[in-house]
PDB file of N, CA and C in Angstrom:
ATOM      1  N   MET A   1     -86.475 -89.532  51.456  1.00  0.00           N
ATOM      2  CA  MET A   1     -87.351 -90.619  51.081  1.00  0.00           C
ATOM      3  C   MET A   1     -88.701 -90.397  51.749  1.00  0.00           C
ATOM      4  N   GLN A   2     -89.732 -90.750  51.029  1.00  0.00           N
ATOM      5  CA  GLN A   2     -91.081 -90.545  51.520  1.00  0.00           C
ATOM      6  C   GLN A   2     -91.869 -91.839  51.334  1.00  0.00           C
ATOM      7  N   ALA A   3     -92.542 -92.288  52.379  1.00  0.00           N
ATOM      8  CA  ALA A   3     -93.354 -93.502  52.297  1.00  0.00           C
ATOM      9  C   ALA A   3     -94.737 -93.148  51.754  1.00  0.00           C
ATOM     10  N   LEU A   4     -95.211 -93.923  50.786  1.00  0.00           N
ATOM     11  CA  LEU A   4     -96.529 -93.719  50.200  1.00  0.00           C
ATOM     12  C   LEU A   4     -97.355 -94.980  50.401  1.00  0.00           C
ATOM     13  N   LYS A   5     -98.618 -94.800  50.740  1.00  0.00           N
ATOM     14  CA  LYS A   5     -99.502 -95.947  50.938  1.00  0.00           C
ATOM     15  C   LYS A   5    -100.215 -96.308  49.656  1.00  0.00           C
ATOM     16  N   LEU A   6    -100.434 -97.602  49.472  1.00  0.00           N
ATOM     17  CA  LEU A   6    -101.249 -98.077  48.362  1.00  0.00           C
ATOM     18  C   LEU A   6    -102.710 -97.888  48.740  1.00  0.00           C
ATOM     19  N   THR A   7    -103.518 -97.504  47.783  1.00  0.00           N
ATOM     20  CA  THR A   7    -104.924 -97.249  48.049  1.00  0.00           C
ATOM     21  C   THR A   7    -105.784 -97.888  46.960  1.00  0.00           C
ATOM     22  N   GLN A   8    -106.998 -98.272  47.324  1.00  0.00           N
ATOM     23  CA  GLN A   8    -107.934 -98.869  46.372  1.00  0.00           C
ATOM     24  C   GLN A   8    -108.488 -97.775  45.467  1.00  0.00           C
ATOM     25  N   ILE A   9    -108.388 -97.997  44.153  1.00  0.00           N
ATOM     26  CA  ILE A   9    -108.933 -97.065  43.166  1.00  0.00           C
ATOM     27  C   ILE A   9    -109.773 -97.907  42.218  1.00  0.00           C
ATOM     28  N   GLY A  10    -111.078 -97.945  42.447  1.00  0.00           N
ATOM     29  CA  GLY A  10    -111.954 -98.820  41.663  1.00  0.00           C
ATOM     30  C   GLY A  10    -111.575-100.262  41.894  1.00  0.00           C
ATOM     31  N   ASN A  11    -111.327-101.005  40.826  1.00  0.00           N
ATOM     32  CA  ASN A  11    -110.895-102.394  40.945  1.00  0.00           C
ATOM     33  C   ASN A  11    -109.383-102.535  40.976  1.00  0.00           C
ATOM     34  N   SER A  12    -108.680-101.413  40.992  1.00  0.00           N
ATOM     35  CA  SER A  12    -107.219-101.423  40.957  1.00  0.00           C
ATOM     36  C   SER A  12    -106.653-100.912  42.262  1.00  0.00           C
ATOM     37  N   VAL A  13    -105.360-100.959  42.368  1.00  0.00           N
ATOM     38  CA  VAL A  13    -104.645-100.400  43.511  1.00  0.00           C
ATOM     39  C   VAL A  13    -103.687 -99.359  42.962  1.00  0.00           C
ATOM     40  N   GLY A  14    -103.607 -98.218  43.606  1.00  0.00           N
ATOM     41  CA  GLY A  14    -102.750 -97.152  43.112  1.00  0.00           C
ATOM     42  C   GLY A  14    -102.029 -96.426  44.233  1.00  0.00           C
ATOM     43  N   VAL A  15    -101.170 -95.510  43.824  1.00  0.00           N
ATOM     44  CA  VAL A  15    -100.419 -94.662  44.746  1.00  0.00           C
ATOM     45  C   VAL A  15    -100.790 -93.230  44.422  1.00  0.00           C
ATOM     46  N   VAL A  16    -101.094 -92.453  45.425  1.00  0.00           N
ATOM     47  CA  VAL A  16    -101.385 -91.034  45.240  1.00  0.00           C
ATOM     48  C   VAL A  16    -100.082 -90.275  45.457  1.00  0.00           C
ATOM     49  N   LEU A  17     -99.673 -89.525  44.422  1.00  0.00           N
ATOM     50  CA  LEU A  17     -98.439 -88.758  44.520  1.00  0.00           C
ATOM     51  C   LEU A  17     -98.718 -87.393  45.151  1.00  0.00           C
ATOM     52  N   PRO A  18     -97.877 -86.973  46.078  1.00  0.00           N
ATOM     53  CA  PRO A  18     -98.047 -85.656  46.699  1.00  0.00           C
ATOM     54  C   PRO A  18     -97.901 -84.532  45.675  1.00  0.00           C
ATOM     55  N   LYS A  19     -98.534 -83.393  45.961  1.00  0.00           N
ATOM     56  CA  LYS A  19     -98.483 -82.243  45.056  1.00  0.00           C
ATOM     57  C   LYS A  19     -97.062 -81.811  44.744  1.00  0.00           C
ATOM     58  N   GLU A  20     -96.176 -81.892  45.739  1.00  0.00           N
ATOM     59  CA  GLU A  20     -94.790 -81.467  45.534  1.00  0.00           C
ATOM     60  C   GLU A  20     -94.101 -82.349  44.488  1.00  0.00           C
ATOM     61  N   VAL A  21     -94.391 -83.644  44.506  1.00  0.00           N
ATOM     62  CA  VAL A  21     -93.795 -84.570  43.542  1.00  0.00           C
ATOM     63  C   VAL A  21     -94.335 -84.273  42.145  1.00  0.00           C
ATOM     64  N   LEU A  22     -95.639 -84.073  42.046  1.00  0.00           N
ATOM     65  CA  LEU A  22     -96.240 -83.740  40.756  1.00  0.00           C
ATOM     66  C   LEU A  22     -95.642 -82.462  40.181  1.00  0.00           C
ATOM     67  N   ALA A  23     -95.430 -81.479  41.033  1.00  0.00           N
ATOM     68  CA  ALA A  23     -94.858 -80.211  40.590  1.00  0.00           C
ATOM     69  C   ALA A  23     -93.422 -80.405  40.087  1.00  0.00           C
ATOM     70  N   ARG A  24     -92.626 -81.180  40.812  1.00  0.00           N
ATOM     71  CA  ARG A  24     -91.228 -81.406  40.395  1.00  0.00           C
ATOM     72  C   ARG A  24     -91.143 -82.184  39.094  1.00  0.00           C
ATOM     73  N   LEU A  25     -92.085 -83.106  38.875  1.00  0.00           N
ATOM     74  CA  LEU A  25     -92.104 -83.881  37.635  1.00  0.00           C
ATOM     75  C   LEU A  25     -92.851 -83.156  36.512  1.00  0.00           C
ATOM     76  N   LYS A  26     -93.426 -81.999  36.839  1.00  0.00           N
ATOM     77  CA  LYS A  26     -94.224 -81.212  35.891  1.00  0.00           C
ATOM     78  C   LYS A  26     -95.368 -82.045  35.314  1.00  0.00           C
ATOM     79  N   LEU A  27     -96.085 -82.726  36.203  1.00  0.00           N
ATOM     80  CA  LEU A  27     -97.203 -83.579  35.826  1.00  0.00           C
ATOM     81  C   LEU A  27     -98.520 -82.981  36.286  1.00  0.00           C
ATOM     82  N   VAL A  28     -99.571 -83.224  35.514  1.00  0.00           N
ATOM     83  CA  VAL A  28    -100.920 -82.843  35.895  1.00  0.00           C
ATOM     84  C   VAL A  28    -101.834 -84.040  35.658  1.00  0.00           C
ATOM     85  N   LYS A  29    -103.026 -83.958  36.187  1.00  0.00           N
ATOM     86  CA  LYS A  29    -104.002 -85.030  36.039  1.00  0.00           C
ATOM     87  C   LYS A  29    -104.173 -85.370  34.552  1.00  0.00           C
ATOM     88  N   GLY A  30    -104.119 -86.671  34.242  1.00  0.00           N
ATOM     89  CA  GLY A  30    -104.283 -87.124  32.871  1.00  0.00           C
ATOM     90  C   GLY A  30    -102.977 -87.393  32.137  1.00  0.00           C
ATOM     91  N   ASP A  31    -101.848 -86.904  32.670  1.00  0.00           N
ATOM     92  CA  ASP A  31    -100.548 -87.167  32.053  1.00  0.00           C
ATOM     93  C   ASP A  31    -100.201 -88.647  32.185  1.00  0.00           C
ATOM     94  N   THR A  32     -99.262 -89.091  31.369  1.00  0.00           N
ATOM     95  CA  THR A  32     -98.782 -90.466  31.418  1.00  0.00           C
ATOM     96  C   THR A  32     -97.400 -90.484  32.051  1.00  0.00           C
ATOM     97  N   VAL A  33     -97.161 -91.470  32.905  1.00  0.00           N
ATOM     98  CA  VAL A  33     -95.833 -91.686  33.476  1.00  0.00           C
ATOM     99  C   VAL A  33     -95.371 -93.086  33.094  1.00  0.00           C
ATOM    100  N   PHE A  34     -94.076 -93.298  33.137  1.00  0.00           N
ATOM    101  CA  PHE A  34     -93.489 -94.569  32.737  1.00  0.00           C
ATOM    102  C   PHE A  34     -92.754 -95.181  33.914  1.00  0.00           C
ATOM    103  N   LEU A  35     -93.028 -96.462  34.162  1.00  0.00           N
ATOM    104  CA  LEU A  35     -92.383 -97.208  35.225  1.00  0.00           C
ATOM    105  C   LEU A  35     -91.348 -98.113  34.578  1.00  0.00           C
ATOM    106  N   THR A  36     -90.080 -97.901  34.935  1.00  0.00           N
ATOM    107  CA  THR A  36     -88.975 -98.654  34.354  1.00  0.00           C
ATOM    108  C   THR A  36     -88.258 -99.419  35.456  1.00  0.00           C
ATOM    109  N   GLU A  37     -88.021-100.703  35.210  1.00  0.00           N
ATOM    110  CA  GLU A  37     -87.276-101.500  36.185  1.00  0.00           C
ATOM    111  C   GLU A  37     -85.792-101.202  36.027  1.00  0.00           C
ATOM    112  N   ILE A  38     -85.145-100.883  37.154  1.00  0.00           N
ATOM    113  CA  ILE A  38     -83.705-100.631  37.173  1.00  0.00           C
ATOM    114  C   ILE A  38     -83.080-101.606  38.168  1.00  0.00           C
ATOM    115  N   THR A  39     -81.766-101.630  38.259  1.00  0.00           N
ATOM    116  CA  THR A  39     -81.104-102.627  39.100  1.00  0.00           C
ATOM    117  C   THR A  39     -81.514-102.545  40.569  1.00  0.00           C
ATOM    118  N   ASP A  40     -81.759-101.344  41.082  1.00  0.00           N
ATOM    119  CA  ASP A  40     -82.090-101.174  42.496  1.00  0.00           C
ATOM    120  C   ASP A  40     -83.584-101.238  42.782  1.00  0.00           C
ATOM    121  N   GLY A  41     -84.427-101.301  41.762  1.00  0.00           N
ATOM    122  CA  GLY A  41     -85.874-101.282  41.979  1.00  0.00           C
ATOM    123  C   GLY A  41     -86.592-100.790  40.743  1.00  0.00           C
ATOM    124  N   PHE A  42     -87.319 -99.673  40.911  1.00  0.00           N
ATOM    125  CA  PHE A  42     -88.090 -99.114  39.807  1.00  0.00           C
ATOM    126  C   PHE A  42     -87.913 -97.606  39.765  1.00  0.00           C
ATOM    127  N   MET A  43     -88.074 -97.051  38.561  1.00  0.00           N
ATOM    128  CA  MET A  43     -87.982 -95.610  38.382  1.00  0.00           C
ATOM    129  C   MET A  43     -89.278 -95.128  37.732  1.00  0.00           C
ATOM    130  N   LEU A  44     -89.866 -94.094  38.277  1.00  0.00           N
ATOM    131  CA  LEU A  44     -91.071 -93.479  37.738  1.00  0.00           C
ATOM    132  C   LEU A  44     -90.664 -92.175  37.066  1.00  0.00           C
ATOM    133  N   SER A  45     -91.039 -92.014  35.798  1.00  0.00           N
ATOM    134  CA  SER A  45     -90.593 -90.844  35.041  1.00  0.00           C
ATOM    135  C   SER A  45     -91.676 -90.402  34.060  1.00  0.00           C
ATOM    136  N   PRO A  46     -91.755 -89.088  33.780  1.00  0.00           N
ATOM    137  CA  PRO A  46     -92.699 -88.629  32.765  1.00  0.00           C
ATOM    138  C   PRO A  46     -92.157 -88.828  31.356  1.00  0.00           C
ATOM    139  N   TYR A  47     -90.929 -89.325  31.225  1.00  0.00           N
ATOM    140  CA  TYR A  47     -90.297 -89.474  29.928  1.00  0.00           C
ATOM    141  C   TYR A  47     -90.274 -90.933  29.498  1.00  0.00           C
ATOM    142  N   ASP A  48     -90.698 -91.193  28.270  1.00  0.00           N
ATOM    143  CA  ASP A  48     -90.703 -92.537  27.709  1.00  0.00           C
ATOM    144  C   ASP A  48     -89.276 -92.904  27.322  1.00  0.00           C
ATOM    145  N   PRO A  49     -88.696 -93.941  27.945  1.00  0.00           N
ATOM    146  CA  PRO A  49     -87.309 -94.297  27.637  1.00  0.00           C
ATOM    147  C   PRO A  49     -87.106 -94.718  26.182  1.00  0.00           C
ATOM    148  N   VAL A  50     -88.106 -95.295  25.550  1.00  0.00           N
ATOM    149  CA  VAL A  50     -87.986 -95.693  24.143  1.00  0.00           C
ATOM    150  C   VAL A  50     -87.860 -94.456  23.261  1.00  0.00           C
ATOM    151  N   ILE A  51     -88.689 -93.455  23.513  1.00  0.00           N
ATOM    152  CA  ILE A  51     -88.610 -92.212  22.741  1.00  0.00           C
ATOM    153  C   ILE A  51     -87.272 -91.527  22.995  1.00  0.00           C
ATOM    154  N   GLU A  52     -86.798 -91.568  24.224  1.00  0.00           N
ATOM    155  CA  GLU A  52     -85.502 -90.965  24.551  1.00  0.00           C
ATOM    156  C   GLU A  52     -84.386 -91.623  23.739  1.00  0.00           C
ATOM    157  N   GLU A  53     -84.417 -92.945  23.619  1.00  0.00           N
ATOM    158  CA  GLU A  53     -83.415 -93.652  22.818  1.00  0.00           C
ATOM    159  C   GLU A  53     -83.499 -93.236  21.347  1.00  0.00           C
ATOM    160  N   GLU A  54     -84.725 -93.111  20.833  1.00  0.00           N
ATOM    161  CA  GLU A  54     -84.907 -92.708  19.445  1.00  0.00           C
ATOM    162  C   GLU A  54     -84.404 -91.288  19.209  1.00  0.00           C
ATOM    163  N   LEU A  55     -84.656 -90.394  20.159  1.00  0.00           N
ATOM    164  CA  LEU A  55     -84.165 -89.022  20.035  1.00  0.00           C
ATOM    165  C   LEU A  55     -82.641 -88.989  20.036  1.00  0.00           C
ATOM    166  N   ASN A  56     -82.027 -89.769  20.900  1.00  0.00           N
ATOM    167  CA  ASN A  56     -80.571 -89.816  20.951  1.00  0.00           C
ATOM    168  C   ASN A  56     -79.995 -90.362  19.655  1.00  0.00           C
ATOM    169  N   ALA A  57     -80.630 -91.383  19.089  1.00  0.00           N
ATOM    170  CA  ALA A  57     -80.177 -91.929  17.801  1.00  0.00           C
ATOM    171  C   ALA A  57     -80.296 -90.868  16.711  1.00  0.00           C
ATOM    172  N   GLY A  58     -81.383 -90.106  16.708  1.00  0.00           N
ATOM    173  CA  GLY A  58     -81.568 -89.031  15.735  1.00  0.00           C
ATOM    174  C   GLY A  58     -80.527 -87.944  15.883  1.00  0.00           C
ATOM    175  N   ARG A  59     -80.207 -87.607  17.126  1.00  0.00           N
ATOM    176  CA  ARG A  59     -79.172 -86.585  17.363  1.00  0.00           C
ATOM    177  C   ARG A  59     -77.810 -87.050  16.840  1.00  0.00           C
ATOM    178  N   GLU A  60     -77.488 -88.323  17.082  1.00  0.00           N
ATOM    179  CA  GLU A  60     -76.228 -88.871  16.583  1.00  0.00           C
ATOM    180  C   GLU A  60     -76.188 -88.847  15.056  1.00  0.00           C
ATOM    181  N   PHE A  61     -77.303 -89.213  14.425  1.00  0.00           N
ATOM    182  CA  PHE A  61     -77.408 -89.203  12.963  1.00  0.00           C
ATOM    183  C   PHE A  61     -77.181 -87.799  12.427  1.00  0.00           C
ATOM    184  N   MET A  62     -77.840 -86.822  13.052  1.00  0.00           N
ATOM    185  CA  MET A  62     -77.710 -85.436  12.594  1.00  0.00           C
ATOM    186  C   MET A  62     -76.283 -84.926  12.803  1.00  0.00           C
ATOM    187  N   LYS A  63     -75.664 -85.352  13.899  1.00  0.00           N
ATOM    188  CA  LYS A  63     -74.288 -84.943  14.170  1.00  0.00           C
ATOM    189  C   LYS A  63     -73.346 -85.531  13.125  1.00  0.00           C
ATOM    190  N   GLU A  64     -73.559 -86.805  12.773  1.00  0.00           N
ATOM    191  CA  GLU A  64     -72.704 -87.486  11.803  1.00  0.00           C
ATOM    192  C   GLU A  64     -72.824 -86.865  10.414  1.00  0.00           C
ATOM    193  N   TYR A  65     -74.027 -86.433  10.049  1.00  0.00           N
ATOM    194  CA  TYR A  65     -74.264 -85.886   8.713  1.00  0.00           C
ATOM    195  C   TYR A  65     -74.509 -84.372   8.745  1.00  0.00           C
ATOM    196  N   ARG A  66     -73.872 -83.697   9.674  1.00  0.00           N
ATOM    197  CA  ARG A  66     -74.039 -82.253   9.863  1.00  0.00           C
ATOM    198  C   ARG A  66     -73.755 -81.477   8.583  1.00  0.00           C
ATOM    199  N   ASP A  67     -72.661 -81.797   7.918  1.00  0.00           N
ATOM    200  CA  ASP A  67     -72.275 -81.079   6.709  1.00  0.00           C
ATOM    201  C   ASP A  67     -73.314 -81.266   5.597  1.00  0.00           C
ATOM    202  N   THR A  68     -73.844 -82.471   5.483  1.00  0.00           N
ATOM    203  CA  THR A  68     -74.872 -82.744   4.481  1.00  0.00           C
ATOM    204  C   THR A  68     -76.103 -81.912   4.756  1.00  0.00           C
ATOM    205  N   PHE A  69     -76.531 -81.866   6.010  1.00  0.00           N
ATOM    206  CA  PHE A  69     -77.721 -81.070   6.368  1.00  0.00           C
ATOM    207  C   PHE A  69     -77.489 -79.587   6.112  1.00  0.00           C
ATOM    208  N   ARG A  70     -76.283 -79.103   6.378  1.00  0.00           N
ATOM    209  CA  ARG A  70     -75.980 -77.691   6.101  1.00  0.00           C
ATOM    210  C   ARG A  70     -76.081 -77.401   4.606  1.00  0.00           C
ATOM    211  N   ALA A  71     -75.554 -78.318   3.808  1.00  0.00           N
ATOM    212  CA  ALA A  71     -75.605 -78.114   2.355  1.00  0.00           C
ATOM    213  C   ALA A  71     -77.046 -78.139   1.852  1.00  0.00           C
ATOM    214  N   LEU A  72     -77.842 -79.006   2.393  1.00  0.00           N
ATOM    215  CA  LEU A  72     -79.254 -79.085   1.989  1.00  0.00           C
ATOM    216  C   LEU A  72     -80.037 -77.857   2.427  1.00  0.00           C
ATOM    217  N   ALA A  73     -79.626 -77.243   3.501  1.00  0.00           N
ATOM    218  CA  ALA A  73     -80.345 -76.075   4.034  1.00  0.00           C
ATOM    219  C   ALA A  73     -80.127 -74.826   3.192  1.00  0.00           C
ATOM    220  N   LYS A  74     -79.095 -74.835   2.335  1.00  0.00           N
ATOM    221  CA  LYS A  74     -78.788 -73.642   1.535  1.00  0.00           C
ATOM    222  C   LYS A  74     -79.744 -73.477   0.400  1.00  0.00           C
TER     223      LYS A  74
END
């Protein structure tokens, strides 16, 4: 665990992420991150949970209709 200080950024308050964290999350300046509330607190992630749900639904759809997609591909 690492403690991070809040800092004034213009009229807002922000957290500066260490380079090691940015590297592990594969983030660079200008990228978007998503803050999601979870039971124990909050989770910061480069992945949009809504898009993740949509991708999973699409994968399930493709799995269910696999034979149809194979036939269409011929």
